[in-house]
Amino acid sequence: MELIGERWSLLVVRELMFGPRRFSDLRASLPGISAKVLTERLAGLENAGVLTRRKLPPPISAHAYELTLWGYAAEPLIQELGRWAAMSSQHDPTLQLSPVSFMLSLRTMLDKEAAKGWNVRIGFRFPEVGFVAEVKDGEMPVRREEPEDCDATFVAPSGPSLAAMFYVGMAAAEVGVTVQGAHEAAERFVALFSLPEKIG
């Protein structure tokens, strides 16, 4: 907690979980954080060895922040916090969450037993970023990349719209989501995820 317990620190780590990002990208994904506070949190996490900063190659004149191997190892911690939060009777899965946060929630809520024996490549296209999730042998790695050659792709205006579809059961059309590709694969994929039972 001394390393990541300050406000925003763990959220910064979360936003870097699928690869390096620029300062401006991090600010856009974390509404409410000031440039000063973000600068302080990045410096603190860098000093602690959780992330590193590197200069992007030309023609981009900017720095990117990337988790160290030790930083990436924090994913199970973030997943367990997310699972714990979802057990609250006050949890609302449709509240504001970033695309990265939604993708991490899928990795957290995946029914690995139900996913065994099924191999599928699923794309996600948000206005500002794309992801690809590959289900294979009960696991589901996620990469930040353009969703190409996918069995099905979810095109969504935001993270909450997909959360309402995946966790509340709302229809794609109700939340502004378009499904491209094999609809049967998309429906089977959605069925692999559910929130834990409420306990408080």
N, C-alpha and C. Protein backbone atom coordinates (compact mmCIF):
# COMPACT_ATOMS: atom_id res chain seq x y z
N MET A 1 0.82 -1.20 0.00
CA MET A 1 0.00 0.00 0.00
C MET A 1 0.86 1.27 0.00
N GLU A 2 2.06 1.20 0.58
CA GLU A 2 2.94 2.37 0.54
C GLU A 2 3.38 2.68 -0.88
N LEU A 3 3.44 1.65 -1.75
CA LEU A 3 3.89 1.85 -3.12
C LEU A 3 2.76 2.33 -4.04
N ILE A 4 1.57 1.78 -3.86
CA ILE A 4 0.49 2.07 -4.80
C ILE A 4 -0.78 2.57 -4.12
N GLY A 5 -0.69 2.90 -2.83
CA GLY A 5 -1.88 3.28 -2.09
C GLY A 5 -2.35 4.71 -2.28
N GLU A 6 -1.52 5.57 -2.85
CA GLU A 6 -1.95 6.95 -3.07
C GLU A 6 -3.05 6.99 -4.12
N ARG A 7 -3.92 7.98 -3.97
CA ARG A 7 -5.03 8.12 -4.92
C ARG A 7 -4.51 8.20 -6.35
N TRP A 8 -5.12 7.47 -7.24
CA TRP A 8 -4.84 7.39 -8.66
C TRP A 8 -3.72 6.41 -9.02
N SER A 9 -2.87 6.05 -8.08
CA SER A 9 -1.70 5.23 -8.43
C SER A 9 -2.11 3.90 -9.05
N LEU A 10 -3.01 3.19 -8.41
CA LEU A 10 -3.40 1.88 -8.93
C LEU A 10 -4.18 2.01 -10.24
N LEU A 11 -4.89 3.11 -10.40
CA LEU A 11 -5.62 3.33 -11.65
C LEU A 11 -4.64 3.59 -12.80
N VAL A 12 -3.54 4.28 -12.51
CA VAL A 12 -2.50 4.48 -13.52
C VAL A 12 -1.93 3.13 -13.94
N VAL A 13 -1.64 2.28 -12.96
CA VAL A 13 -1.13 0.95 -13.25
C VAL A 13 -2.14 0.18 -14.11
N ARG A 14 -3.40 0.26 -13.75
CA ARG A 14 -4.44 -0.41 -14.53
C ARG A 14 -4.43 0.03 -15.98
N GLU A 15 -4.34 1.33 -16.22
CA GLU A 15 -4.40 1.84 -17.59
C GLU A 15 -3.19 1.44 -18.43
N LEU A 16 -2.11 1.02 -17.77
CA LEU A 16 -0.92 0.59 -18.51
C LEU A 16 -0.86 -0.92 -18.68
N MET A 17 -1.89 -1.63 -18.23
CA MET A 17 -1.83 -3.07 -18.18
C MET A 17 -1.77 -3.75 -19.56
N PHE A 18 -2.19 -3.05 -20.60
CA PHE A 18 -2.14 -3.64 -21.95
C PHE A 18 -1.10 -2.97 -22.84
N GLY A 19 -0.09 -2.38 -22.21
CA GLY A 19 0.99 -1.81 -23.00
C GLY A 19 1.22 -0.33 -22.72
N PRO A 20 2.30 0.22 -23.28
CA PRO A 20 2.70 1.60 -23.01
C PRO A 20 1.68 2.62 -23.52
N ARG A 21 1.64 3.76 -22.81
CA ARG A 21 0.74 4.85 -23.20
C ARG A 21 1.42 6.19 -22.94
N ARG A 22 1.00 7.19 -23.72
CA ARG A 22 1.52 8.53 -23.55
C ARG A 22 0.81 9.25 -22.40
N PHE A 23 1.39 10.32 -21.93
CA PHE A 23 0.82 11.11 -20.85
C PHE A 23 -0.60 11.56 -21.21
N SER A 24 -0.77 12.06 -22.43
CA SER A 24 -2.09 12.56 -22.85
C SER A 24 -3.13 11.44 -22.88
N ASP A 25 -2.72 10.24 -23.26
CA ASP A 25 -3.64 9.11 -23.29
C ASP A 25 -4.10 8.75 -21.88
N LEU A 26 -3.16 8.78 -20.94
CA LEU A 26 -3.49 8.46 -19.56
C LEU A 26 -4.46 9.49 -18.97
N ARG A 27 -4.22 10.76 -19.25
CA ARG A 27 -5.12 11.79 -18.74
C ARG A 27 -6.52 11.63 -19.31
N ALA A 28 -6.62 11.28 -20.59
CA ALA A 28 -7.92 11.11 -21.22
C ALA A 28 -8.67 9.91 -20.63
N SER A 29 -7.94 8.90 -20.19
CA SER A 29 -8.56 7.70 -19.64
C SER A 29 -8.91 7.82 -18.16
N LEU A 30 -8.42 8.87 -17.52
CA LEU A 30 -8.64 9.06 -16.09
C LEU A 30 -9.28 10.42 -15.84
N PRO A 31 -10.56 10.56 -16.14
CA PRO A 31 -11.23 11.84 -15.94
C PRO A 31 -11.12 12.29 -14.48
N GLY A 32 -10.77 13.54 -14.30
CA GLY A 32 -10.68 14.07 -12.95
C GLY A 32 -9.27 14.22 -12.43
N ILE A 33 -8.31 13.54 -13.04
CA ILE A 33 -6.94 13.68 -12.57
C ILE A 33 -6.30 14.91 -13.23
N SER A 34 -5.57 15.68 -12.45
CA SER A 34 -4.91 16.86 -12.99
C SER A 34 -3.56 16.47 -13.56
N ALA A 35 -3.02 17.32 -14.41
CA ALA A 35 -1.70 17.05 -14.99
C ALA A 35 -0.65 16.98 -13.89
N LYS A 36 -0.78 17.84 -12.87
CA LYS A 36 0.19 17.85 -11.77
C LYS A 36 0.18 16.54 -10.99
N VAL A 37 -1.02 16.07 -10.65
CA VAL A 37 -1.12 14.82 -9.88
C VAL A 37 -0.66 13.64 -10.71
N LEU A 38 -1.03 13.60 -11.99
CA LEU A 38 -0.59 12.50 -12.84
C LEU A 38 0.94 12.48 -12.94
N THR A 39 1.54 13.66 -13.10
CA THR A 39 3.01 13.74 -13.16
C THR A 39 3.63 13.19 -11.87
N GLU A 40 3.05 13.56 -10.74
CA GLU A 40 3.56 13.08 -9.46
C GLU A 40 3.42 11.57 -9.32
N ARG A 41 2.27 11.03 -9.72
CA ARG A 41 2.04 9.59 -9.59
C ARG A 41 2.96 8.81 -10.52
N LEU A 42 3.16 9.29 -11.72
CA LEU A 42 4.06 8.61 -12.65
C LEU A 42 5.48 8.61 -12.12
N ALA A 43 5.91 9.74 -11.58
CA ALA A 43 7.26 9.82 -11.02
C ALA A 43 7.42 8.88 -9.84
N GLY A 44 6.42 8.83 -8.98
CA GLY A 44 6.48 7.95 -7.83
C GLY A 44 6.52 6.49 -8.21
N LEU A 45 5.71 6.10 -9.18
CA LEU A 45 5.69 4.71 -9.64
C LEU A 45 6.98 4.35 -10.36
N GLU A 46 7.55 5.33 -11.06
CA GLU A 46 8.83 5.07 -11.73
C GLU A 46 9.94 4.88 -10.70
N ASN A 47 9.95 5.73 -9.68
CA ASN A 47 10.96 5.60 -8.63
C ASN A 47 10.84 4.28 -7.88
N ALA A 48 9.61 3.78 -7.78
CA ALA A 48 9.38 2.52 -7.07
C ALA A 48 9.68 1.29 -7.93
N GLY A 49 9.94 1.53 -9.23
CA GLY A 49 10.23 0.41 -10.12
C GLY A 49 9.02 -0.26 -10.72
N VAL A 50 7.85 0.39 -10.61
CA VAL A 50 6.61 -0.18 -11.14
C VAL A 50 6.48 0.09 -12.64
N LEU A 51 7.00 1.23 -13.10
CA LEU A 51 6.93 1.57 -14.51
C LEU A 51 8.21 2.25 -14.95
N THR A 52 8.37 2.36 -16.26
CA THR A 52 9.51 3.06 -16.84
C THR A 52 8.99 4.06 -17.87
N ARG A 53 9.83 5.04 -18.18
CA ARG A 53 9.48 6.03 -19.20
C ARG A 53 10.50 5.93 -20.32
N ARG A 54 10.02 5.93 -21.57
CA ARG A 54 10.92 5.86 -22.71
C ARG A 54 10.45 6.81 -23.80
N LYS A 55 11.40 7.31 -24.55
CA LYS A 55 11.09 8.25 -25.65
C LYS A 55 10.67 7.47 -26.87
N LEU A 56 9.57 7.89 -27.46
CA LEU A 56 9.07 7.22 -28.67
C LEU A 56 9.95 7.60 -29.86
N PRO A 57 10.10 6.69 -30.82
CA PRO A 57 10.94 6.98 -31.99
C PRO A 57 10.30 8.03 -32.89
N PRO A 58 11.11 8.74 -33.71
CA PRO A 58 10.58 9.73 -34.66
C PRO A 58 9.58 9.04 -35.60
N PRO A 59 8.59 9.79 -36.11
CA PRO A 59 8.41 11.25 -35.98
C PRO A 59 7.65 11.68 -34.73
N ILE A 60 7.34 10.75 -33.82
CA ILE A 60 6.61 11.11 -32.62
C ILE A 60 7.56 11.71 -31.60
N SER A 61 7.28 12.92 -31.16
CA SER A 61 8.14 13.58 -30.18
C SER A 61 7.43 13.56 -28.83
N ALA A 62 7.47 12.41 -28.19
CA ALA A 62 6.79 12.26 -26.91
C ALA A 62 7.38 11.07 -26.16
N HIS A 63 7.03 10.98 -24.89
CA HIS A 63 7.45 9.86 -24.07
C HIS A 63 6.26 8.94 -23.83
N ALA A 64 6.55 7.67 -23.63
CA ALA A 64 5.52 6.70 -23.28
C ALA A 64 5.89 6.08 -21.95
N TYR A 65 4.88 5.72 -21.20
CA TYR A 65 5.07 5.08 -19.90
C TYR A 65 4.66 3.62 -20.02
N GLU A 66 5.49 2.74 -19.47
CA GLU A 66 5.26 1.30 -19.62
C GLU A 66 5.56 0.60 -18.31
N LEU A 67 4.75 -0.38 -17.96
CA LEU A 67 4.99 -1.14 -16.74
C LEU A 67 6.24 -1.99 -16.88
N THR A 68 6.94 -2.17 -15.78
CA THR A 68 8.03 -3.13 -15.74
C THR A 68 7.41 -4.53 -15.60
N LEU A 69 8.22 -5.56 -15.69
CA LEU A 69 7.70 -6.92 -15.49
C LEU A 69 7.05 -7.04 -14.11
N TRP A 70 7.67 -6.39 -13.12
CA TRP A 70 7.08 -6.39 -11.79
C TRP A 70 5.75 -5.64 -11.77
N GLY A 71 5.67 -4.55 -12.54
CA GLY A 71 4.43 -3.80 -12.63
C GLY A 71 3.30 -4.63 -13.24
N TYR A 72 3.62 -5.35 -14.32
CA TYR A 72 2.60 -6.21 -14.94
C TYR A 72 2.11 -7.29 -13.99
N ALA A 73 2.96 -7.69 -13.06
CA ALA A 73 2.60 -8.74 -12.11
C ALA A 73 1.52 -8.29 -11.13
N ALA A 74 1.13 -7.02 -11.18
CA ALA A 74 0.07 -6.49 -10.31
C ALA A 74 -1.32 -6.82 -10.84
N GLU A 75 -1.42 -7.40 -12.03
CA GLU A 75 -2.76 -7.64 -12.60
C GLU A 75 -3.65 -8.49 -11.69
N PRO A 76 -3.17 -9.59 -11.11
CA PRO A 76 -4.06 -10.36 -10.21
C PRO A 76 -4.59 -9.53 -9.04
N LEU A 77 -3.78 -8.60 -8.54
CA LEU A 77 -4.22 -7.72 -7.47
C LEU A 77 -5.39 -6.86 -7.94
N ILE A 78 -5.27 -6.28 -9.13
CA ILE A 78 -6.35 -5.44 -9.67
C ILE A 78 -7.59 -6.28 -9.93
N GLN A 79 -7.40 -7.49 -10.43
CA GLN A 79 -8.54 -8.37 -10.70
C GLN A 79 -9.30 -8.71 -9.42
N GLU A 80 -8.56 -9.03 -8.35
CA GLU A 80 -9.22 -9.40 -7.10
C GLU A 80 -9.95 -8.21 -6.49
N LEU A 81 -9.38 -7.00 -6.62
CA LEU A 81 -10.07 -5.81 -6.14
C LEU A 81 -11.37 -5.58 -6.94
N GLY A 82 -11.29 -5.83 -8.26
CA GLY A 82 -12.47 -5.69 -9.09
C GLY A 82 -13.54 -6.71 -8.73
N ARG A 83 -13.13 -7.95 -8.49
CA ARG A 83 -14.07 -9.00 -8.11
C ARG A 83 -14.72 -8.67 -6.76
N TRP A 84 -13.90 -8.18 -5.82
CA TRP A 84 -14.42 -7.79 -4.50
C TRP A 84 -15.43 -6.65 -4.63
N ALA A 85 -15.11 -5.65 -5.44
CA ALA A 85 -16.02 -4.51 -5.61
C ALA A 85 -17.34 -4.95 -6.22
N ALA A 86 -17.28 -5.90 -7.16
CA ALA A 86 -18.50 -6.36 -7.83
C ALA A 86 -19.42 -7.13 -6.91
N MET A 87 -18.92 -7.60 -5.76
CA MET A 87 -19.74 -8.33 -4.80
C MET A 87 -20.60 -7.40 -3.95
N SER A 88 -20.34 -6.09 -4.01
CA SER A 88 -21.11 -5.13 -3.23
C SER A 88 -22.50 -4.95 -3.80
N SER A 89 -23.49 -4.83 -2.93
CA SER A 89 -24.86 -4.59 -3.38
C SER A 89 -24.99 -3.21 -4.03
N GLN A 90 -24.02 -2.33 -3.79
CA GLN A 90 -24.05 -0.99 -4.38
C GLN A 90 -23.31 -0.91 -5.70
N HIS A 91 -22.72 -2.02 -6.13
CA HIS A 91 -21.95 -2.00 -7.37
C HIS A 91 -22.85 -1.79 -8.58
N ASP A 92 -22.49 -0.87 -9.44
CA ASP A 92 -23.23 -0.59 -10.67
C ASP A 92 -22.29 -0.81 -11.85
N PRO A 93 -22.46 -1.91 -12.60
CA PRO A 93 -21.53 -2.21 -13.70
C PRO A 93 -21.62 -1.25 -14.87
N THR A 94 -22.63 -0.37 -14.87
CA THR A 94 -22.78 0.55 -16.00
C THR A 94 -22.18 1.92 -15.72
N LEU A 95 -21.56 2.10 -14.54
CA LEU A 95 -20.93 3.39 -14.26
C LEU A 95 -19.71 3.59 -15.16
N GLN A 96 -19.20 4.80 -15.19
CA GLN A 96 -18.08 5.14 -16.07
C GLN A 96 -16.88 4.22 -15.84
N LEU A 97 -16.37 3.66 -16.90
CA LEU A 97 -15.13 2.89 -16.84
C LEU A 97 -14.46 2.97 -18.20
N SER A 98 -13.14 2.96 -18.18
CA SER A 98 -12.37 3.11 -19.42
C SER A 98 -12.40 1.82 -20.21
N PRO A 99 -12.04 1.88 -21.50
CA PRO A 99 -11.94 0.63 -22.28
C PRO A 99 -10.99 -0.37 -21.64
N VAL A 100 -9.85 0.10 -21.11
CA VAL A 100 -8.91 -0.82 -20.45
C VAL A 100 -9.57 -1.48 -19.25
N SER A 101 -10.30 -0.69 -18.46
CA SER A 101 -10.97 -1.22 -17.29
C SER A 101 -11.98 -2.29 -17.68
N PHE A 102 -12.72 -2.05 -18.76
CA PHE A 102 -13.68 -3.06 -19.21
C PHE A 102 -12.98 -4.34 -19.65
N MET A 103 -11.89 -4.20 -20.40
CA MET A 103 -11.18 -5.38 -20.87
C MET A 103 -10.58 -6.16 -19.70
N LEU A 104 -10.09 -5.46 -18.70
CA LEU A 104 -9.60 -6.15 -17.51
C LEU A 104 -10.72 -6.86 -16.77
N SER A 105 -11.91 -6.25 -16.78
CA SER A 105 -13.05 -6.91 -16.13
C SER A 105 -13.38 -8.22 -16.83
N LEU A 106 -13.23 -8.27 -18.16
CA LEU A 106 -13.48 -9.52 -18.87
C LEU A 106 -12.47 -10.59 -18.45
N ARG A 107 -11.21 -10.21 -18.33
CA ARG A 107 -10.20 -11.17 -17.89
C ARG A 107 -10.48 -11.65 -16.47
N THR A 108 -11.11 -10.78 -15.67
CA THR A 108 -11.43 -11.13 -14.30
C THR A 108 -12.65 -12.04 -14.21
N MET A 109 -13.67 -11.77 -14.99
CA MET A 109 -14.96 -12.47 -14.87
C MET A 109 -15.10 -13.65 -15.82
N LEU A 110 -14.06 -13.99 -16.56
CA LEU A 110 -14.12 -15.11 -17.50
C LEU A 110 -14.38 -16.42 -16.76
N ASP A 111 -15.35 -17.18 -17.25
CA ASP A 111 -15.60 -18.54 -16.76
C ASP A 111 -14.65 -19.47 -17.51
N LYS A 112 -13.53 -19.78 -16.89
CA LYS A 112 -12.49 -20.54 -17.57
C LYS A 112 -12.92 -21.96 -17.91
N GLU A 113 -13.77 -22.54 -17.07
CA GLU A 113 -14.26 -23.90 -17.35
C GLU A 113 -15.14 -23.90 -18.60
N ALA A 114 -16.01 -22.91 -18.71
CA ALA A 114 -16.90 -22.82 -19.87
C ALA A 114 -16.12 -22.50 -21.14
N ALA A 115 -14.97 -21.84 -20.98
CA ALA A 115 -14.17 -21.45 -22.14
C ALA A 115 -13.28 -22.58 -22.65
N LYS A 116 -13.09 -23.62 -21.85
CA LYS A 116 -12.20 -24.71 -22.26
C LYS A 116 -12.73 -25.40 -23.52
N GLY A 117 -11.80 -25.73 -24.40
CA GLY A 117 -12.18 -26.44 -25.63
C GLY A 117 -12.70 -25.55 -26.73
N TRP A 118 -12.68 -24.24 -26.52
CA TRP A 118 -13.17 -23.32 -27.55
C TRP A 118 -12.08 -22.31 -27.86
N ASN A 119 -11.72 -22.20 -29.10
CA ASN A 119 -10.74 -21.22 -29.55
C ASN A 119 -11.44 -20.19 -30.42
N VAL A 120 -11.31 -18.92 -30.04
CA VAL A 120 -11.99 -17.87 -30.80
C VAL A 120 -11.22 -16.57 -30.64
N ARG A 121 -11.27 -15.76 -31.67
CA ARG A 121 -10.61 -14.44 -31.67
C ARG A 121 -11.70 -13.37 -31.75
N ILE A 122 -11.78 -12.54 -30.71
CA ILE A 122 -12.83 -11.54 -30.61
C ILE A 122 -12.22 -10.14 -30.57
N GLY A 123 -12.75 -9.25 -31.39
CA GLY A 123 -12.26 -7.89 -31.44
C GLY A 123 -13.17 -6.92 -30.71
N PHE A 124 -12.58 -5.81 -30.26
CA PHE A 124 -13.32 -4.73 -29.61
C PHE A 124 -12.82 -3.42 -30.20
N ARG A 125 -13.73 -2.62 -30.69
CA ARG A 125 -13.37 -1.34 -31.28
C ARG A 125 -14.09 -0.22 -30.53
N PHE A 126 -13.32 0.58 -29.79
CA PHE A 126 -13.83 1.78 -29.15
C PHE A 126 -13.42 2.97 -30.02
N PRO A 127 -14.01 4.15 -29.82
CA PRO A 127 -13.64 5.30 -30.66
C PRO A 127 -12.15 5.61 -30.66
N GLU A 128 -11.48 5.39 -29.52
CA GLU A 128 -10.08 5.79 -29.41
C GLU A 128 -9.09 4.65 -29.41
N VAL A 129 -9.55 3.40 -29.33
CA VAL A 129 -8.61 2.28 -29.20
C VAL A 129 -9.29 0.96 -29.57
N GLY A 130 -8.46 -0.02 -29.98
CA GLY A 130 -8.97 -1.35 -30.29
C GLY A 130 -8.27 -2.40 -29.46
N PHE A 131 -8.94 -3.53 -29.27
CA PHE A 131 -8.37 -4.66 -28.53
C PHE A 131 -8.74 -5.95 -29.23
N VAL A 132 -7.93 -6.97 -28.98
CA VAL A 132 -8.24 -8.32 -29.45
C VAL A 132 -8.10 -9.26 -28.27
N ALA A 133 -9.13 -10.05 -28.04
CA ALA A 133 -9.12 -11.08 -27.00
C ALA A 133 -9.16 -12.44 -27.69
N GLU A 134 -8.25 -13.31 -27.30
CA GLU A 134 -8.20 -14.64 -27.89
C GLU A 134 -8.45 -15.69 -26.81
N VAL A 135 -9.57 -16.38 -26.93
CA VAL A 135 -9.89 -17.46 -26.01
C VAL A 135 -9.24 -18.73 -26.53
N LYS A 136 -8.44 -19.35 -25.68
CA LYS A 136 -7.76 -20.58 -26.08
C LYS A 136 -7.42 -21.39 -24.84
N ASP A 137 -7.88 -22.62 -24.82
CA ASP A 137 -7.59 -23.54 -23.71
C ASP A 137 -7.99 -22.96 -22.36
N GLY A 138 -9.10 -22.26 -22.33
CA GLY A 138 -9.61 -21.72 -21.07
C GLY A 138 -8.95 -20.45 -20.60
N GLU A 139 -8.03 -19.91 -21.37
CA GLU A 139 -7.37 -18.65 -21.02
C GLU A 139 -7.78 -17.57 -22.02
N MET A 140 -7.54 -16.30 -21.68
CA MET A 140 -7.93 -15.22 -22.58
C MET A 140 -6.96 -14.04 -22.50
N PRO A 141 -5.83 -14.14 -23.17
CA PRO A 141 -4.95 -12.97 -23.25
C PRO A 141 -5.62 -11.87 -24.07
N VAL A 142 -5.32 -10.63 -23.72
CA VAL A 142 -5.87 -9.46 -24.42
C VAL A 142 -4.72 -8.58 -24.86
N ARG A 143 -4.79 -8.09 -26.09
CA ARG A 143 -3.78 -7.17 -26.60
C ARG A 143 -4.44 -5.90 -27.13
N ARG A 144 -3.76 -4.78 -26.95
CA ARG A 144 -4.23 -3.53 -27.52
C ARG A 144 -3.75 -3.48 -28.95
N GLU A 145 -4.65 -3.67 -29.90
CA GLU A 145 -4.31 -3.64 -31.32
C GLU A 145 -5.59 -3.52 -32.13
N GLU A 146 -5.44 -3.23 -33.41
CA GLU A 146 -6.60 -3.12 -34.28
C GLU A 146 -7.26 -4.50 -34.43
N PRO A 147 -8.57 -4.58 -34.25
CA PRO A 147 -9.26 -5.87 -34.35
C PRO A 147 -9.43 -6.31 -35.80
N GLU A 148 -8.50 -7.12 -36.27
CA GLU A 148 -8.54 -7.63 -37.63
C GLU A 148 -8.58 -9.16 -37.60
N ASP A 149 -9.18 -9.75 -38.63
CA ASP A 149 -9.27 -11.21 -38.75
C ASP A 149 -9.87 -11.84 -37.50
N CYS A 150 -10.93 -11.23 -36.99
CA CYS A 150 -11.59 -11.74 -35.79
C CYS A 150 -12.86 -12.51 -36.18
N ASP A 151 -13.22 -13.47 -35.35
CA ASP A 151 -14.47 -14.21 -35.58
C ASP A 151 -15.67 -13.29 -35.39
N ALA A 152 -15.57 -12.37 -34.43
CA ALA A 152 -16.61 -11.37 -34.21
C ALA A 152 -15.96 -10.15 -33.58
N THR A 153 -16.54 -8.99 -33.84
CA THR A 153 -16.02 -7.74 -33.28
C THR A 153 -17.16 -6.91 -32.72
N PHE A 154 -16.96 -6.42 -31.49
CA PHE A 154 -17.92 -5.53 -30.86
C PHE A 154 -17.45 -4.09 -31.09
N VAL A 155 -18.27 -3.29 -31.73
CA VAL A 155 -17.97 -1.87 -31.95
C VAL A 155 -18.83 -1.09 -30.97
N ALA A 156 -18.18 -0.40 -30.04
CA ALA A 156 -18.91 0.22 -28.94
C ALA A 156 -18.51 1.67 -28.74
N PRO A 157 -19.45 2.51 -28.30
CA PRO A 157 -19.13 3.92 -28.04
C PRO A 157 -18.36 4.13 -26.74
N SER A 158 -18.40 3.15 -25.82
CA SER A 158 -17.76 3.33 -24.52
C SER A 158 -17.69 2.01 -23.77
N GLY A 159 -16.91 2.02 -22.67
CA GLY A 159 -16.85 0.85 -21.81
C GLY A 159 -18.18 0.53 -21.15
N PRO A 160 -18.88 1.53 -20.57
CA PRO A 160 -20.15 1.24 -19.92
C PRO A 160 -21.20 0.60 -20.83
N SER A 161 -21.19 0.95 -22.10
CA SER A 161 -22.18 0.35 -23.02
C SER A 161 -21.96 -1.14 -23.14
N LEU A 162 -20.69 -1.57 -23.21
CA LEU A 162 -20.41 -3.00 -23.28
C LEU A 162 -20.66 -3.67 -21.94
N ALA A 163 -20.38 -2.97 -20.84
CA ALA A 163 -20.64 -3.54 -19.52
C ALA A 163 -22.14 -3.81 -19.35
N ALA A 164 -22.97 -2.91 -19.85
CA ALA A 164 -24.42 -3.11 -19.77
C ALA A 164 -24.85 -4.32 -20.60
N MET A 165 -24.18 -4.54 -21.70
CA MET A 165 -24.50 -5.68 -22.56
C MET A 165 -24.01 -6.99 -21.95
N PHE A 166 -22.79 -7.01 -21.45
CA PHE A 166 -22.18 -8.23 -20.94
C PHE A 166 -22.69 -8.61 -19.55
N TYR A 167 -22.90 -7.61 -18.69
CA TYR A 167 -23.19 -7.91 -17.28
C TYR A 167 -24.63 -7.65 -16.85
N VAL A 168 -25.36 -6.84 -17.63
CA VAL A 168 -26.75 -6.55 -17.29
C VAL A 168 -27.71 -7.27 -18.22
N GLY A 169 -27.21 -7.68 -19.38
CA GLY A 169 -28.04 -8.42 -20.32
C GLY A 169 -28.81 -7.56 -21.30
N MET A 170 -28.42 -6.29 -21.42
CA MET A 170 -29.10 -5.42 -22.37
C MET A 170 -28.71 -5.80 -23.80
N ALA A 171 -29.61 -5.61 -24.74
CA ALA A 171 -29.35 -5.93 -26.14
C ALA A 171 -28.37 -4.93 -26.72
N ALA A 172 -27.60 -5.39 -27.71
CA ALA A 172 -26.59 -4.54 -28.34
C ALA A 172 -27.20 -3.24 -28.85
N ALA A 173 -28.35 -3.33 -29.51
CA ALA A 173 -28.98 -2.14 -30.08
C ALA A 173 -29.40 -1.14 -29.01
N GLU A 174 -29.74 -1.62 -27.82
CA GLU A 174 -30.16 -0.74 -26.73
C GLU A 174 -29.03 0.15 -26.23
N VAL A 175 -27.81 -0.34 -26.33
CA VAL A 175 -26.67 0.39 -25.76
C VAL A 175 -25.73 0.93 -26.84
N GLY A 176 -26.18 0.89 -28.10
CA GLY A 176 -25.40 1.47 -29.18
C GLY A 176 -24.22 0.64 -29.64
N VAL A 177 -24.25 -0.67 -29.37
CA VAL A 177 -23.16 -1.56 -29.77
C VAL A 177 -23.52 -2.25 -31.08
N THR A 178 -22.54 -2.33 -31.98
CA THR A 178 -22.71 -3.06 -33.23
C THR A 178 -21.84 -4.30 -33.19
N VAL A 179 -22.40 -5.43 -33.60
CA VAL A 179 -21.65 -6.67 -33.64
C VAL A 179 -21.36 -7.02 -35.10
N GLN A 180 -20.09 -7.12 -35.41
CA GLN A 180 -19.65 -7.48 -36.76
C GLN A 180 -19.13 -8.91 -36.76
N GLY A 181 -19.36 -9.62 -37.87
CA GLY A 181 -18.86 -10.99 -37.97
C GLY A 181 -19.90 -12.00 -37.54
N ALA A 182 -19.46 -13.10 -36.97
CA ALA A 182 -20.34 -14.20 -36.61
C ALA A 182 -21.10 -13.89 -35.32
N HIS A 183 -22.41 -13.68 -35.43
CA HIS A 183 -23.21 -13.34 -34.26
C HIS A 183 -23.28 -14.50 -33.28
N GLU A 184 -23.25 -15.73 -33.76
CA GLU A 184 -23.27 -16.89 -32.86
C GLU A 184 -22.03 -16.91 -31.98
N ALA A 185 -20.88 -16.60 -32.57
CA ALA A 185 -19.64 -16.54 -31.80
C ALA A 185 -19.71 -15.43 -30.77
N ALA A 186 -20.27 -14.28 -31.15
CA ALA A 186 -20.40 -13.15 -30.22
C ALA A 186 -21.30 -13.52 -29.05
N GLU A 187 -22.43 -14.17 -29.31
CA GLU A 187 -23.35 -14.55 -28.25
C GLU A 187 -22.72 -15.57 -27.31
N ARG A 188 -22.01 -16.53 -27.86
CA ARG A 188 -21.34 -17.53 -27.02
C ARG A 188 -20.26 -16.87 -26.17
N PHE A 189 -19.58 -15.90 -26.75
CA PHE A 189 -18.53 -15.19 -26.02
C PHE A 189 -19.13 -14.42 -24.84
N VAL A 190 -20.21 -13.69 -25.06
CA VAL A 190 -20.85 -12.92 -23.99
C VAL A 190 -21.26 -13.83 -22.84
N ALA A 191 -21.69 -15.05 -23.17
CA ALA A 191 -22.15 -15.99 -22.14
C ALA A 191 -21.03 -16.50 -21.24
N LEU A 192 -19.77 -16.23 -21.59
CA LEU A 192 -18.64 -16.68 -20.78
C LEU A 192 -18.40 -15.80 -19.55
N PHE A 193 -19.15 -14.70 -19.41
CA PHE A 193 -18.85 -13.71 -18.36
C PHE A 193 -20.08 -13.45 -17.50
N SER A 194 -19.84 -13.37 -16.21
CA SER A 194 -20.91 -12.99 -15.27
C SER A 194 -20.26 -12.42 -14.03
N LEU A 195 -21.00 -11.56 -13.34
CA LEU A 195 -20.51 -10.97 -12.11
C LEU A 195 -20.71 -11.92 -10.95
N PRO A 196 -19.88 -11.82 -9.90
CA PRO A 196 -20.02 -12.70 -8.75
C PRO A 196 -21.29 -12.38 -7.96
N GLU A 197 -21.70 -13.31 -7.12
CA GLU A 197 -22.88 -13.12 -6.29
C GLU A 197 -22.64 -12.00 -5.28
N LYS A 198 -23.69 -11.21 -5.04
CA LYS A 198 -23.59 -10.11 -4.07
C LYS A 198 -23.52 -10.67 -2.65
N ILE A 199 -22.66 -10.09 -1.83
CA ILE A 199 -22.55 -10.55 -0.45
C ILE A 199 -22.62 -9.40 0.54
N GLY A 200 -22.84 -8.20 0.07
CA GLY A 200 -22.89 -7.07 0.99
C GLY A 200 -23.40 -5.83 0.32
